[in-house]
């Protein structure tokens, strides 16, 4: 179980540590807007600041990442905003976060 927790943690850290930087620099801003429909200010003032605090937070971090993926998926469900790559990515990342959350709870 410890090995699985480490593997999932490293996968999520690899994905979500650079994500805030990519939002702040504008690199992922077009995708953020297309996937969520939120204004750029929401990316830089809400989502990006949360990123650096989450990956190392264990149980709470897994819960926040799962919730963040759920927000993206809910926004991607809106007609006209559906994007196969976004849906796939946030289903995958959400599954990793939920798996890590379950493993952390079982520890």
PDB file of N, CA and C in Angstrom:
ATOM      1  N   UNK A   1       0.824  -1.190   0.000  1.00  0.00           N
ATOM      2  CA  UNK A   1       0.000   0.000   0.000  1.00  0.00           C
ATOM      3  C   UNK A   1       0.870   1.256   0.000  1.00  0.00           C
ATOM      4  N   UNK A   2       1.945   1.226   0.738  1.00  0.00           N
ATOM      5  CA  UNK A   2       2.830   2.389   0.789  1.00  0.00           C
ATOM      6  C   UNK A   2       3.411   2.695  -0.584  1.00  0.00           C
ATOM      7  N   UNK A   3       3.752   1.666  -1.323  1.00  0.00           N
ATOM      8  CA  UNK A   3       4.292   1.858  -2.669  1.00  0.00           C
ATOM      9  C   UNK A   3       3.260   2.527  -3.570  1.00  0.00           C
ATOM     10  N   UNK A   4       2.015   2.087  -3.480  1.00  0.00           N
ATOM     11  CA  UNK A   4       0.948   2.678  -4.286  1.00  0.00           C
ATOM     12  C   UNK A   4       0.746   4.147  -3.912  1.00  0.00           C
ATOM     13  N   UNK A   5       0.788   4.449  -2.633  1.00  0.00           N
ATOM     14  CA  UNK A   5       0.642   5.838  -2.182  1.00  0.00           C
ATOM     15  C   UNK A   5       1.767   6.692  -2.761  1.00  0.00           C
ATOM     16  N   UNK A   6       2.985   6.196  -2.725  1.00  0.00           N
ATOM     17  CA  UNK A   6       4.118   6.940  -3.275  1.00  0.00           C
ATOM     18  C   UNK A   6       3.984   7.141  -4.778  1.00  0.00           C
ATOM     19  N   UNK A   7       3.621   6.087  -5.487  1.00  0.00           N
ATOM     20  CA  UNK A   7       3.491   6.194  -6.945  1.00  0.00           C
ATOM     21  C   UNK A   7       2.413   7.204  -7.321  1.00  0.00           C
ATOM     22  N   UNK A   8       1.243   7.088  -6.696  1.00  0.00           N
ATOM     23  CA  UNK A   8       0.155   8.028  -6.997  1.00  0.00           C
ATOM     24  C   UNK A   8       0.536   9.452  -6.606  1.00  0.00           C
ATOM     25  N   UNK A   9       1.209   9.607  -5.479  1.00  0.00           N
ATOM     26  CA  UNK A   9       1.634  10.939  -5.047  1.00  0.00           C
ATOM     27  C   UNK A   9       2.597  11.556  -6.051  1.00  0.00           C
ATOM     28  N   UNK A  10       3.560  10.774  -6.510  1.00  0.00           N
ATOM     29  CA  UNK A  10       4.530  11.295  -7.475  1.00  0.00           C
ATOM     30  C   UNK A  10       3.870  11.659  -8.802  1.00  0.00           C
ATOM     31  N   UNK A  11       2.916  10.831  -9.251  1.00  0.00           N
ATOM     32  CA  UNK A  11       2.195  11.155 -10.488  1.00  0.00           C
ATOM     33  C   UNK A  11       1.428  12.464 -10.353  1.00  0.00           C
ATOM     34  N   UNK A  12       0.754  12.637  -9.222  1.00  0.00           N
ATOM     35  CA  UNK A  12      -0.024  13.859  -9.016  1.00  0.00           C
ATOM     36  C   UNK A  12       0.875  15.078  -8.828  1.00  0.00           C
ATOM     37  N   UNK A  13       1.984  14.910  -8.142  1.00  0.00           N
ATOM     38  CA  UNK A  13       2.926  16.021  -7.986  1.00  0.00           C
ATOM     39  C   UNK A  13       3.472  16.426  -9.352  1.00  0.00           C
ATOM     40  N   UNK A  14       3.821  15.433 -10.174  1.00  0.00           N
ATOM     41  CA  UNK A  14       4.359  15.727 -11.511  1.00  0.00           C
ATOM     42  C   UNK A  14       3.351  16.500 -12.363  1.00  0.00           C
ATOM     43  N   UNK A  15       2.082  16.250 -12.159  1.00  0.00           N
ATOM     44  CA  UNK A  15       1.062  16.954 -12.942  1.00  0.00           C
ATOM     45  C   UNK A  15       0.714  18.314 -12.345  1.00  0.00           C
ATOM     46  N   UNK A  16       0.541  18.388 -11.034  1.00  0.00           N
ATOM     47  CA  UNK A  16      -0.042  19.586 -10.445  1.00  0.00           C
ATOM     48  C   UNK A  16       0.958  20.592  -9.889  1.00  0.00           C
ATOM     49  N   UNK A  17       2.235  20.276  -9.823  1.00  0.00           N
ATOM     50  CA  UNK A  17       3.205  21.292  -9.397  1.00  0.00           C
ATOM     51  C   UNK A  17       3.438  22.315 -10.503  1.00  0.00           C
ATOM     52  N   UNK A  18       3.640  21.886 -11.778  1.00  0.00           N
ATOM     53  CA  UNK A  18       3.827  22.908 -12.815  1.00  0.00           C
ATOM     54  C   UNK A  18       2.533  23.576 -13.275  1.00  0.00           C
ATOM     55  N   UNK A  19       1.388  23.009 -12.950  1.00  0.00           N
ATOM     56  CA  UNK A  19       0.110  23.564 -13.432  1.00  0.00           C
ATOM     57  C   UNK A  19      -0.110  25.022 -13.023  1.00  0.00           C
ATOM     58  N   UNK A  20       0.135  25.406 -11.764  1.00  0.00           N
ATOM     59  CA  UNK A  20      -0.070  26.818 -11.406  1.00  0.00           C
ATOM     60  C   UNK A  20       0.847  27.763 -12.175  1.00  0.00           C
ATOM     61  N   UNK A  21       2.090  27.344 -12.378  1.00  0.00           N
ATOM     62  CA  UNK A  21       3.032  28.177 -13.131  1.00  0.00           C
ATOM     63  C   UNK A  21       2.521  28.360 -14.556  1.00  0.00           C
ATOM     64  N   UNK A  22       2.010  27.279 -15.136  1.00  0.00           N
ATOM     65  CA  UNK A  22       1.488  27.362 -16.502  1.00  0.00           C
ATOM     66  C   UNK A  22       0.254  28.266 -16.575  1.00  0.00           C
ATOM     67  N   UNK A  23      -0.546  28.310 -15.517  1.00  0.00           N
ATOM     68  CA  UNK A  23      -1.684  29.239 -15.497  1.00  0.00           C
ATOM     69  C   UNK A  23      -1.210  30.675 -15.339  1.00  0.00           C
ATOM     70  N   UNK A  24      -0.272  30.901 -14.395  1.00  0.00           N
ATOM     71  CA  UNK A  24       0.222  32.257 -14.172  1.00  0.00           C
ATOM     72  C   UNK A  24       0.911  32.821 -15.399  1.00  0.00           C
ATOM     73  N   UNK A  25       1.652  31.999 -16.121  1.00  0.00           N
ATOM     74  CA  UNK A  25       2.372  32.485 -17.304  1.00  0.00           C
ATOM     75  C   UNK A  25       1.472  32.567 -18.531  1.00  0.00           C
ATOM     76  N   UNK A  26       0.289  31.992 -18.442  1.00  0.00           N
ATOM     77  CA  UNK A  26      -0.650  32.030 -19.555  1.00  0.00           C
ATOM     78  C   UNK A  26      -0.539  30.856 -20.504  1.00  0.00           C
ATOM     79  N   UNK A  27       0.397  29.955 -20.240  1.00  0.00           N
ATOM     80  CA  UNK A  27       0.610  28.824 -21.147  1.00  0.00           C
ATOM     81  C   UNK A  27      -0.636  27.953 -21.281  1.00  0.00           C
ATOM     82  N   UNK A  28      -1.306  27.657 -20.169  1.00  0.00           N
ATOM     83  CA  UNK A  28      -2.497  26.803 -20.190  1.00  0.00           C
ATOM     84  C   UNK A  28      -3.801  27.590 -20.097  1.00  0.00           C
ATOM     85  N   UNK A  29      -3.718  28.889 -20.121  1.00  0.00           N
ATOM     86  CA  UNK A  29      -4.906  29.722 -19.964  1.00  0.00           C
ATOM     87  C   UNK A  29      -5.968  29.474 -21.034  1.00  0.00           C
ATOM     88  N   UNK A  30      -5.611  29.333 -22.318  1.00  0.00           N
ATOM     89  CA  UNK A  30      -6.651  29.049 -23.312  1.00  0.00           C
ATOM     90  C   UNK A  30      -7.387  27.735 -23.040  1.00  0.00           C
ATOM     91  N   UNK A  31      -6.649  26.707 -22.629  1.00  0.00           N
ATOM     92  CA  UNK A  31      -7.301  25.432 -22.296  1.00  0.00           C
ATOM     93  C   UNK A  31      -8.180  25.584 -21.062  1.00  0.00           C
ATOM     94  N   UNK A  32      -7.674  26.294 -20.050  1.00  0.00           N
ATOM     95  CA  UNK A  32      -8.458  26.532 -18.843  1.00  0.00           C
ATOM     96  C   UNK A  32      -9.792  27.189 -19.190  1.00  0.00           C
ATOM     97  N   UNK A  33      -9.729  28.226 -20.023  1.00  0.00           N
ATOM     98  CA  UNK A  33     -10.957  28.934 -20.403  1.00  0.00           C
ATOM     99  C   UNK A  33     -11.873  28.039 -21.230  1.00  0.00           C
ATOM    100  N   UNK A  34     -11.308  27.268 -22.155  1.00  0.00           N
ATOM    101  CA  UNK A  34     -12.127  26.392 -22.985  1.00  0.00           C
ATOM    102  C   UNK A  34     -12.771  25.285 -22.146  1.00  0.00           C
ATOM    103  N   UNK A  35     -12.024  24.717 -21.210  1.00  0.00           N
ATOM    104  CA  UNK A  35     -12.543  23.616 -20.393  1.00  0.00           C
ATOM    105  C   UNK A  35     -13.566  24.095 -19.363  1.00  0.00           C
ATOM    106  N   UNK A  36     -13.327  25.259 -18.745  1.00  0.00           N
ATOM    107  CA  UNK A  36     -14.172  25.680 -17.621  1.00  0.00           C
ATOM    108  C   UNK A  36     -15.143  26.804 -17.958  1.00  0.00           C
ATOM    109  N   UNK A  37     -14.787  27.650 -18.902  1.00  0.00           N
ATOM    110  CA  UNK A  37     -15.604  28.819 -19.183  1.00  0.00           C
ATOM    111  C   UNK A  37     -15.395  29.931 -18.180  1.00  0.00           C
ATOM    112  N   UNK A  38     -14.470  29.736 -17.228  1.00  0.00           N
ATOM    113  CA  UNK A  38     -14.169  30.776 -16.240  1.00  0.00           C
ATOM    114  C   UNK A  38     -13.279  31.845 -16.860  1.00  0.00           C
ATOM    115  N   UNK A  39     -13.349  33.042 -16.295  1.00  0.00           N
ATOM    116  CA  UNK A  39     -12.502  34.152 -16.731  1.00  0.00           C
ATOM    117  C   UNK A  39     -11.043  33.870 -16.364  1.00  0.00           C
ATOM    118  N   UNK A  40     -10.097  34.482 -17.067  1.00  0.00           N
ATOM    119  CA  UNK A  40      -8.679  34.288 -16.752  1.00  0.00           C
ATOM    120  C   UNK A  40      -8.326  34.635 -15.307  1.00  0.00           C
ATOM    121  N   UNK A  41      -9.034  35.605 -14.735  1.00  0.00           N
ATOM    122  CA  UNK A  41      -8.763  35.999 -13.353  1.00  0.00           C
ATOM    123  C   UNK A  41      -9.019  34.853 -12.380  1.00  0.00           C
ATOM    124  N   UNK A  42      -9.979  34.003 -12.681  1.00  0.00           N
ATOM    125  CA  UNK A  42     -10.270  32.852 -11.821  1.00  0.00           C
ATOM    126  C   UNK A  42      -9.081  31.885 -11.840  1.00  0.00           C
ATOM    127  N   UNK A  43      -8.468  31.729 -12.988  1.00  0.00           N
ATOM    128  CA  UNK A  43      -7.301  30.848 -13.101  1.00  0.00           C
ATOM    129  C   UNK A  43      -6.137  31.367 -12.271  1.00  0.00           C
ATOM    130  N   UNK A  44      -5.856  32.664 -12.404  1.00  0.00           N
ATOM    131  CA  UNK A  44      -4.668  33.216 -11.756  1.00  0.00           C
ATOM    132  C   UNK A  44      -4.871  33.566 -10.284  1.00  0.00           C
ATOM    133  N   UNK A  45      -6.110  33.793  -9.880  1.00  0.00           N
ATOM    134  CA  UNK A  45      -6.357  34.203  -8.490  1.00  0.00           C
ATOM    135  C   UNK A  45      -6.962  33.114  -7.616  1.00  0.00           C
ATOM    136  N   UNK A  46      -7.550  32.069  -8.223  1.00  0.00           N
ATOM    137  CA  UNK A  46      -8.189  31.015  -7.429  1.00  0.00           C
ATOM    138  C   UNK A  46      -7.468  29.679  -7.613  1.00  0.00           C
ATOM    139  N   UNK A  47      -7.430  29.185  -8.849  1.00  0.00           N
ATOM    140  CA  UNK A  47      -6.863  27.858  -9.096  1.00  0.00           C
ATOM    141  C   UNK A  47      -5.347  27.833  -8.930  1.00  0.00           C
ATOM    142  N   UNK A  48      -4.633  28.775  -9.501  1.00  0.00           N
ATOM    143  CA  UNK A  48      -3.170  28.763  -9.458  1.00  0.00           C
ATOM    144  C   UNK A  48      -2.605  28.857  -8.038  1.00  0.00           C
ATOM    145  N   UNK A  49      -3.107  29.728  -7.158  1.00  0.00           N
ATOM    146  CA  UNK A  49      -2.534  29.790  -5.809  1.00  0.00           C
ATOM    147  C   UNK A  49      -2.728  28.512  -4.998  1.00  0.00           C
ATOM    148  N   UNK A  50      -3.757  27.740  -5.279  1.00  0.00           N
ATOM    149  CA  UNK A  50      -4.006  26.501  -4.527  1.00  0.00           C
ATOM    150  C   UNK A  50      -2.989  25.434  -4.897  1.00  0.00           C
ATOM    151  N   UNK A  51      -2.547  25.414  -6.145  1.00  0.00           N
ATOM    152  CA  UNK A  51      -1.674  24.359  -6.647  1.00  0.00           C
ATOM    153  C   UNK A  51      -0.451  24.054  -5.813  1.00  0.00           C
ATOM    154  N   UNK A  52       0.381  25.049  -5.475  1.00  0.00           N
ATOM    155  CA  UNK A  52       1.614  24.742  -4.739  1.00  0.00           C
ATOM    156  C   UNK A  52       1.381  24.171  -3.340  1.00  0.00           C
ATOM    157  N   UNK A  53       0.225  24.420  -2.753  1.00  0.00           N
ATOM    158  CA  UNK A  53      -0.019  23.948  -1.395  1.00  0.00           C
ATOM    159  C   UNK A  53      -0.599  22.544  -1.347  1.00  0.00           C
ATOM    160  N   UNK A  54      -1.067  22.028  -2.476  1.00  0.00           N
ATOM    161  CA  UNK A  54      -1.831  20.787  -2.464  1.00  0.00           C
ATOM    162  C   UNK A  54      -1.019  19.497  -2.519  1.00  0.00           C
ATOM    163  N   UNK A  55      -0.076  19.310  -3.448  1.00  0.00           N
ATOM    164  CA  UNK A  55       0.500  17.989  -3.635  1.00  0.00           C
ATOM    165  C   UNK A  55       1.126  17.369  -2.395  1.00  0.00           C
ATOM    166  N   UNK A  56       1.741  18.152  -1.536  1.00  0.00           N
ATOM    167  CA  UNK A  56       2.421  17.588  -0.380  1.00  0.00           C
ATOM    168  C   UNK A  56       1.509  17.444   0.826  1.00  0.00           C
ATOM    169  N   UNK A  57       0.245  17.728   0.679  1.00  0.00           N
ATOM    170  CA  UNK A  57      -0.650  17.781   1.828  1.00  0.00           C
ATOM    171  C   UNK A  57      -1.305  16.451   2.179  1.00  0.00           C
ATOM    172  N   UNK A  58      -0.909  15.351   1.541  1.00  0.00           N
ATOM    173  CA  UNK A  58      -1.426  14.029   1.889  1.00  0.00           C
ATOM    174  C   UNK A  58      -2.913  13.889   1.670  1.00  0.00           C
ATOM    175  N   UNK A  59      -3.619  13.542   2.716  1.00  0.00           N
ATOM    176  CA  UNK A  59      -5.055  13.288   2.660  1.00  0.00           C
ATOM    177  C   UNK A  59      -5.825  14.518   2.174  1.00  0.00           C
ATOM    178  N   UNK A  60      -5.540  15.655   2.754  1.00  0.00           N
ATOM    179  CA  UNK A  60      -6.232  16.883   2.342  1.00  0.00           C
ATOM    180  C   UNK A  60      -5.896  17.234   0.896  1.00  0.00           C
ATOM    181  N   UNK A  61      -4.644  17.029   0.507  1.00  0.00           N
ATOM    182  CA  UNK A  61      -4.236  17.313  -0.865  1.00  0.00           C
ATOM    183  C   UNK A  61      -4.969  16.451  -1.867  1.00  0.00           C
ATOM    184  N   UNK A  62      -5.107  15.158  -1.551  1.00  0.00           N
ATOM    185  CA  UNK A  62      -5.827  14.250  -2.443  1.00  0.00           C
ATOM    186  C   UNK A  62      -7.286  14.671  -2.563  1.00  0.00           C
ATOM    187  N   UNK A  63      -7.889  15.087  -1.451  1.00  0.00           N
ATOM    188  CA  UNK A  63      -9.291  15.518  -1.472  1.00  0.00           C
ATOM    189  C   UNK A  63      -9.460  16.795  -2.305  1.00  0.00           C
ATOM    190  N   UNK A  64      -8.550  17.747  -2.140  1.00  0.00           N
ATOM    191  CA  UNK A  64      -8.628  18.998  -2.900  1.00  0.00           C
ATOM    192  C   UNK A  64      -8.419  18.737  -4.386  1.00  0.00           C
ATOM    193  N   UNK A  65      -7.454  17.871  -4.729  1.00  0.00           N
ATOM    194  CA  UNK A  65      -7.231  17.545  -6.140  1.00  0.00           C
ATOM    195  C   UNK A  65      -8.441  16.837  -6.741  1.00  0.00           C
ATOM    196  N   UNK A  66      -9.041  15.912  -6.001  1.00  0.00           N
ATOM    197  CA  UNK A  66     -10.242  15.226  -6.499  1.00  0.00           C
ATOM    198  C   UNK A  66     -11.372  16.234  -6.716  1.00  0.00           C
ATOM    199  N   UNK A  67     -11.533  17.151  -5.775  1.00  0.00           N
ATOM    200  CA  UNK A  67     -12.578  18.173  -5.909  1.00  0.00           C
ATOM    201  C   UNK A  67     -12.291  19.097  -7.096  1.00  0.00           C
ATOM    202  N   UNK A  68     -11.026  19.478  -7.275  1.00  0.00           N
ATOM    203  CA  UNK A  68     -10.662  20.320  -8.412  1.00  0.00           C
ATOM    204  C   UNK A  68     -10.946  19.641  -9.741  1.00  0.00           C
ATOM    205  N   UNK A  69     -10.631  18.357  -9.819  1.00  0.00           N
ATOM    206  CA  UNK A  69     -10.924  17.601 -11.044  1.00  0.00           C
ATOM    207  C   UNK A  69     -12.436  17.520 -11.268  1.00  0.00           C
ATOM    208  N   UNK A  70     -13.190  17.367 -10.191  1.00  0.00           N
ATOM    209  CA  UNK A  70     -14.653  17.316 -10.310  1.00  0.00           C
ATOM    210  C   UNK A  70     -15.206  18.634 -10.854  1.00  0.00           C
ATOM    211  N   UNK A  71     -14.646  19.766 -10.402  1.00  0.00           N
ATOM    212  CA  UNK A  71     -15.079  21.077 -10.913  1.00  0.00           C
ATOM    213  C   UNK A  71     -14.820  21.159 -12.411  1.00  0.00           C
ATOM    214  N   UNK A  72     -13.621  20.763 -12.823  1.00  0.00           N
ATOM    215  CA  UNK A  72     -13.303  20.771 -14.257  1.00  0.00           C
ATOM    216  C   UNK A  72     -14.280  19.883 -15.022  1.00  0.00           C
ATOM    217  N   UNK A  73     -14.538  18.675 -14.524  1.00  0.00           N
ATOM    218  CA  UNK A  73     -15.427  17.748 -15.231  1.00  0.00           C
ATOM    219  C   UNK A  73     -16.851  18.284 -15.308  1.00  0.00           C
ATOM    220  N   UNK A  74     -17.325  18.919 -14.233  1.00  0.00           N
ATOM    221  CA  UNK A  74     -18.660  19.523 -14.271  1.00  0.00           C
ATOM    222  C   UNK A  74     -18.733  20.631 -15.312  1.00  0.00           C
ATOM    223  N   UNK A  75     -17.686  21.443 -15.363  1.00  0.00           N
ATOM    224  CA  UNK A  75     -17.662  22.529 -16.344  1.00  0.00           C
ATOM    225  C   UNK A  75     -17.541  21.976 -17.766  1.00  0.00           C
ATOM    226  N   UNK A  76     -16.793  20.876 -17.933  1.00  0.00           N
ATOM    227  CA  UNK A  76     -16.644  20.252 -19.253  1.00  0.00           C
ATOM    228  C   UNK A  76     -17.929  19.579 -19.720  1.00  0.00           C
ATOM    229  N   UNK A  77     -18.866  19.322 -18.825  1.00  0.00           N
ATOM    230  CA  UNK A  77     -20.126  18.668 -19.190  1.00  0.00           C
ATOM    231  C   UNK A  77     -21.093  19.613 -19.889  1.00  0.00           C
ATOM    232  N   UNK A  78     -20.825  20.906 -19.811  1.00  0.00           N
ATOM    233  CA  UNK A  78     -21.698  21.901 -20.428  1.00  0.00           C
ATOM    234  C   UNK A  78     -21.612  21.775 -21.956  1.00  0.00           C
ATOM    235  N   UNK A  79     -22.757  21.714 -22.642  1.00  0.00           N
ATOM    236  CA  UNK A  79     -22.712  21.645 -24.112  1.00  0.00           C
ATOM    237  C   UNK A  79     -21.905  22.813 -24.693  1.00  0.00           C
ATOM    238  N   UNK A  80     -21.133  22.521 -25.694  1.00  0.00           N
ATOM    239  CA  UNK A  80     -20.288  23.530 -26.305  1.00  0.00           C
ATOM    240  C   UNK A  80     -18.925  23.657 -25.653  1.00  0.00           C
ATOM    241  N   UNK A  81     -18.751  23.034 -24.506  1.00  0.00           N
ATOM    242  CA  UNK A  81     -17.471  23.092 -23.811  1.00  0.00           C
ATOM    243  C   UNK A  81     -16.852  21.703 -23.703  1.00  0.00           C
ATOM    244  N   UNK A  82     -17.517  20.711 -24.263  1.00  0.00           N
ATOM    245  CA  UNK A  82     -17.013  19.342 -24.168  1.00  0.00           C
ATOM    246  C   UNK A  82     -15.759  19.199 -25.012  1.00  0.00           C
ATOM    247  N   UNK A  83     -14.736  18.670 -24.398  1.00  0.00           N
ATOM    248  CA  UNK A  83     -13.458  18.475 -25.079  1.00  0.00           C
ATOM    249  C   UNK A  83     -12.927  17.118 -24.633  1.00  0.00           C
ATOM    250  N   UNK A  84     -12.730  16.225 -25.587  1.00  0.00           N
ATOM    251  CA  UNK A  84     -12.338  14.854 -25.256  1.00  0.00           C
ATOM    252  C   UNK A  84     -11.014  14.803 -24.483  1.00  0.00           C
ATOM    253  N   UNK A  85     -10.055  15.625 -24.868  1.00  0.00           N
ATOM    254  CA  UNK A  85      -8.767  15.587 -24.171  1.00  0.00           C
ATOM    255  C   UNK A  85      -8.906  16.070 -22.730  1.00  0.00           C
ATOM    256  N   UNK A  86      -9.702  17.095 -22.506  1.00  0.00           N
ATOM    257  CA  UNK A  86      -9.922  17.586 -21.148  1.00  0.00           C
ATOM    258  C   UNK A  86     -10.672  16.586 -20.295  1.00  0.00           C
ATOM    259  N   UNK A  87     -11.699  15.978 -20.864  1.00  0.00           N
ATOM    260  CA  UNK A  87     -12.473  14.981 -20.117  1.00  0.00           C
ATOM    261  C   UNK A  87     -11.573  13.804 -19.749  1.00  0.00           C
ATOM    262  N   UNK A  88     -10.799  13.314 -20.708  1.00  0.00           N
ATOM    263  CA  UNK A  88      -9.897  12.197 -20.436  1.00  0.00           C
ATOM    264  C   UNK A  88      -8.882  12.565 -19.352  1.00  0.00           C
ATOM    265  N   UNK A  89      -8.260  13.731 -19.489  1.00  0.00           N
ATOM    266  CA  UNK A  89      -7.222  14.145 -18.546  1.00  0.00           C
ATOM    267  C   UNK A  89      -7.770  14.268 -17.133  1.00  0.00           C
ATOM    268  N   UNK A  90      -8.909  14.917 -16.975  1.00  0.00           N
ATOM    269  CA  UNK A  90      -9.409  15.136 -15.616  1.00  0.00           C
ATOM    270  C   UNK A  90     -10.090  13.901 -15.038  1.00  0.00           C
ATOM    271  N   UNK A  91     -10.561  12.995 -15.877  1.00  0.00           N
ATOM    272  CA  UNK A  91     -10.996  11.683 -15.367  1.00  0.00           C
ATOM    273  C   UNK A  91      -9.791  10.918 -14.845  1.00  0.00           C
ATOM    274  N   UNK A  92      -8.680  10.945 -15.590  1.00  0.00           N
ATOM    275  CA  UNK A  92      -7.464  10.250 -15.175  1.00  0.00           C
ATOM    276  C   UNK A  92      -6.898  10.849 -13.891  1.00  0.00           C
ATOM    277  N   UNK A  93      -6.708  12.169 -13.869  1.00  0.00           N
ATOM    278  CA  UNK A  93      -6.154  12.817 -12.686  1.00  0.00           C
ATOM    279  C   UNK A  93      -7.089  12.659 -11.488  1.00  0.00           C
ATOM    280  N   UNK A  94      -8.392  12.754 -11.733  1.00  0.00           N
ATOM    281  CA  UNK A  94      -9.366  12.564 -10.659  1.00  0.00           C
ATOM    282  C   UNK A  94      -9.322  11.154 -10.114  1.00  0.00           C
ATOM    283  N   UNK A  95      -9.165  10.171 -10.997  1.00  0.00           N
ATOM    284  CA  UNK A  95      -9.071   8.779 -10.551  1.00  0.00           C
ATOM    285  C   UNK A  95      -7.819   8.573  -9.702  1.00  0.00           C
ATOM    286  N   UNK A  96      -6.701   9.175 -10.120  1.00  0.00           N
ATOM    287  CA  UNK A  96      -5.482   9.086  -9.309  1.00  0.00           C
ATOM    288  C   UNK A  96      -5.696   9.710  -7.937  1.00  0.00           C
ATOM    289  N   UNK A  97      -6.339  10.881  -7.910  1.00  0.00           N
ATOM    290  CA  UNK A  97      -6.565  11.579  -6.641  1.00  0.00           C
ATOM    291  C   UNK A  97      -7.501  10.779  -5.738  1.00  0.00           C
ATOM    292  N   UNK A  98      -8.562  10.220  -6.308  1.00  0.00           N
ATOM    293  CA  UNK A  98      -9.495   9.415  -5.501  1.00  0.00           C
ATOM    294  C   UNK A  98      -8.801   8.156  -4.988  1.00  0.00           C
ATOM    295  N   UNK A  99      -8.006   7.509  -5.843  1.00  0.00           N
ATOM    296  CA  UNK A  99      -7.269   6.317  -5.405  1.00  0.00           C
ATOM    297  C   UNK A  99      -6.318   6.658  -4.263  1.00  0.00           C
ATOM    298  N   UNK A 100      -5.616   7.780  -4.396  1.00  0.00           N
ATOM    299  CA  UNK A 100      -4.714   8.207  -3.325  1.00  0.00           C
ATOM    300  C   UNK A 100      -5.492   8.531  -2.059  1.00  0.00           C
ATOM    301  N   UNK A 101      -6.619   9.186  -2.197  1.00  0.00           N
ATOM    302  CA  UNK A 101      -7.468   9.507  -1.049  1.00  0.00           C
ATOM    303  C   UNK A 101      -7.908   8.233  -0.328  1.00  0.00           C
ATOM    304  N   UNK A 102      -8.364   7.244  -1.079  1.00  0.00           N
ATOM    305  CA  UNK A 102      -8.795   5.969  -0.479  1.00  0.00           C
ATOM    306  C   UNK A 102      -7.633   5.284   0.213  1.00  0.00           C
ATOM    307  N   UNK A 103      -6.480   5.232  -0.443  1.00  0.00           N
ATOM    308  CA  UNK A 103      -5.311   4.591   0.173  1.00  0.00           C
ATOM    309  C   UNK A 103      -4.870   5.323   1.435  1.00  0.00           C
ATOM    310  N   UNK A 104      -4.924   6.659   1.416  1.00  0.00           N
ATOM    311  CA  UNK A 104      -4.572   7.416   2.609  1.00  0.00           C
ATOM    312  C   UNK A 104      -5.547   7.133   3.750  1.00  0.00           C
ATOM    313  N   UNK A 105      -6.820   6.999   3.416  1.00  0.00           N
ATOM    314  CA  UNK A 105      -7.821   6.698   4.451  1.00  0.00           C
ATOM    315  C   UNK A 105      -7.641   5.304   5.029  1.00  0.00           C
ATOM    316  N   UNK A 106      -7.191   4.366   4.199  1.00  0.00           N
ATOM    317  CA  UNK A 106      -6.997   2.990   4.646  1.00  0.00           C
ATOM    318  C   UNK A 106      -5.715   2.794   5.439  1.00  0.00           C
ATOM    319  N   UNK A 107      -4.804   3.728   5.375  1.00  0.00           N
ATOM    320  CA  UNK A 107      -3.523   3.612   6.083  1.00  0.00           C
ATOM    321  C   UNK A 107      -3.698   3.579   7.568  1.00  0.00           C
TER     322      UNK A 107
END
